[in-house]
Amino acid sequence: MNKKRISYRLCEARIKSGKTYRQIAEETDISLNTLNAYMNKGVMPGADKLALLCRCLGTSADWVLGLRENAVRDAL
């Protein structure tokens, strides 16, 4: 899966979660500029940040990375 598709899936998960960028930033301690880079510019989050984002957005890293076709949240 390419970087653009991963960014798209992060955006899709954000929209489905109903959370704003600010809410995500507060919950994950990731800056707004960094979130924008992850979701709109194809910048890849490290494993630690990806885990935080997935937990916050209610999705799995497998789905974001294209290893799973549905966004069902895995048990935490």
C-alpha atoms as a PDB file:
ATOM      1  CA  MET A   1       0.000   0.000   0.000  1.00  0.00           C
ATOM      2  CA  ASN A   2       1.317   3.418  -0.844  1.00  0.00           C
ATOM      3  CA  LYS A   3       1.663   6.436   1.430  1.00  0.00           C
ATOM      4  CA  LYS A   4      -1.183   8.288  -0.244  1.00  0.00           C
ATOM      5  CA  ARG A   5      -3.602   5.414   0.438  1.00  0.00           C
ATOM      6  CA  ILE A   6      -2.537   5.223   4.084  1.00  0.00           C
ATOM      7  CA  SER A   7      -3.131   8.975   4.462  1.00  0.00           C
ATOM      8  CA  TYR A   8      -6.540   8.528   2.843  1.00  0.00           C
ATOM      9  CA  ARG A   9      -7.450   5.752   5.280  1.00  0.00           C
ATOM     10  CA  LEU A  10      -6.368   7.858   8.254  1.00  0.00           C
ATOM     11  CA  CYS A  11      -8.614  10.665   6.971  1.00  0.00           C
ATOM     12  CA  GLU A  12     -11.466   8.247   6.428  1.00  0.00           C
ATOM     13  CA  ALA A  13     -11.098   6.925   9.976  1.00  0.00           C
ATOM     14  CA  ARG A  14     -11.054  10.488  11.340  1.00  0.00           C
ATOM     15  CA  ILE A  15     -14.263  11.360   9.526  1.00  0.00           C
ATOM     16  CA  LYS A  16     -16.002   8.175  10.671  1.00  0.00           C
ATOM     17  CA  SER A  17     -14.894   8.832  14.256  1.00  0.00           C
ATOM     18  CA  GLY A  18     -16.530  12.268  14.196  1.00  0.00           C
ATOM     19  CA  LYS A  19     -13.462  13.751  15.866  1.00  0.00           C
ATOM     20  CA  THR A  20     -11.810  17.007  14.908  1.00  0.00           C
ATOM     21  CA  TYR A  21      -8.091  17.357  14.338  1.00  0.00           C
ATOM     22  CA  ARG A  22      -7.916  19.283  17.616  1.00  0.00           C
ATOM     23  CA  GLN A  23      -9.627  16.474  19.555  1.00  0.00           C
ATOM     24  CA  ILE A  24      -7.259  13.911  18.066  1.00  0.00           C
ATOM     25  CA  ALA A  25      -4.260  16.103  18.859  1.00  0.00           C
ATOM     26  CA  GLU A  26      -5.377  16.434  22.477  1.00  0.00           C
ATOM     27  CA  GLU A  27      -6.060  12.705  22.875  1.00  0.00           C
ATOM     28  CA  THR A  28      -2.828  11.544  21.239  1.00  0.00           C
ATOM     29  CA  ASP A  29      -0.437  14.398  22.083  1.00  0.00           C
ATOM     30  CA  ILE A  30       0.397  14.671  18.365  1.00  0.00           C
ATOM     31  CA  SER A  31       0.637  18.238  17.082  1.00  0.00           C
ATOM     32  CA  LEU A  32      -1.890  19.593  14.597  1.00  0.00           C
ATOM     33  CA  ASN A  33       0.873  20.147  12.042  1.00  0.00           C
ATOM     34  CA  THR A  34       2.004  16.541  12.364  1.00  0.00           C
ATOM     35  CA  LEU A  35      -1.568  15.244  12.072  1.00  0.00           C
ATOM     36  CA  ASN A  36      -2.010  17.315   8.934  1.00  0.00           C
ATOM     37  CA  ALA A  37       1.172  15.817   7.496  1.00  0.00           C
ATOM     38  CA  TYR A  38      -0.016  12.267   8.263  1.00  0.00           C
ATOM     39  CA  MET A  39      -3.515  12.746   6.897  1.00  0.00           C
ATOM     40  CA  ASN A  40      -2.981  15.106   3.981  1.00  0.00           C
ATOM     41  CA  LYS A  41       0.639  15.000   2.844  1.00  0.00           C
ATOM     42  CA  GLY A  42       1.531  11.323   2.815  1.00  0.00           C
ATOM     43  CA  VAL A  43       3.940  11.509   5.746  1.00  0.00           C
ATOM     44  CA  MET A  44       4.114   8.117   7.446  1.00  0.00           C
ATOM     45  CA  PRO A  45       3.603   7.914  11.211  1.00  0.00           C
ATOM     46  CA  GLY A  46       5.982   5.735  13.157  1.00  0.00           C
ATOM     47  CA  ALA A  47       4.601   2.592  14.778  1.00  0.00           C
ATOM     48  CA  ASP A  48       4.074   4.347  18.110  1.00  0.00           C
ATOM     49  CA  LYS A  49       2.100   7.223  16.558  1.00  0.00           C
ATOM     50  CA  LEU A  50       0.133   4.864  14.314  1.00  0.00           C
ATOM     51  CA  ALA A  51      -0.913   2.872  17.373  1.00  0.00           C
ATOM     52  CA  LEU A  52      -2.063   6.049  19.158  1.00  0.00           C
ATOM     53  CA  LEU A  53      -4.015   7.198  16.114  1.00  0.00           C
ATOM     54  CA  CYS A  54      -5.703   3.852  15.579  1.00  0.00           C
ATOM     55  CA  ARG A  55      -6.759   3.641  19.204  1.00  0.00           C
ATOM     56  CA  CYS A  56      -8.073   7.216  19.138  1.00  0.00           C
ATOM     57  CA  LEU A  57      -9.902   6.720  15.841  1.00  0.00           C
ATOM     58  CA  GLY A  58     -11.353   3.309  16.675  1.00  0.00           C
ATOM     59  CA  THR A  59      -9.736   1.412  13.841  1.00  0.00           C
ATOM     60  CA  SER A  60      -6.985  -1.140  13.383  1.00  0.00           C
ATOM     61  CA  ALA A  61      -3.488  -0.607  12.055  1.00  0.00           C
ATOM     62  CA  ASP A  62      -4.092  -3.624   9.811  1.00  0.00           C
ATOM     63  CA  TRP A  63      -6.844  -1.712   8.038  1.00  0.00           C
ATOM     64  CA  VAL A  64      -4.888   1.547   7.806  1.00  0.00           C
ATOM     65  CA  LEU A  65      -1.924  -0.335   6.339  1.00  0.00           C
ATOM     66  CA  GLY A  66      -4.092  -2.245   3.879  1.00  0.00           C
ATOM     67  CA  LEU A  67      -3.680  -5.665   5.480  1.00  0.00           C
ATOM     68  CA  ARG A  68      -7.423  -5.914   6.185  1.00  0.00           C
ATOM     69  CA  GLU A  69     -10.303  -4.755   4.043  1.00  0.00           C
ATOM     70  CA  ASN A  70     -12.703  -3.687   6.777  1.00  0.00           C
ATOM     71  CA  ALA A  71     -12.169  -1.144   9.501  1.00  0.00           C
ATOM     72  CA  VAL A  72     -13.611  -3.206  12.350  1.00  0.00           C
ATOM     73  CA  ARG A  73     -11.873  -2.272  15.533  1.00  0.00           C
ATOM     74  CA  ASP A  74      -9.797  -5.075  16.984  1.00  0.00           C
ATOM     75  CA  ALA A  75     -10.086  -5.836  20.670  1.00  0.00           C
ATOM     76  CA  LEU A  76      -7.742  -3.622  22.661  1.00  0.00           C
END
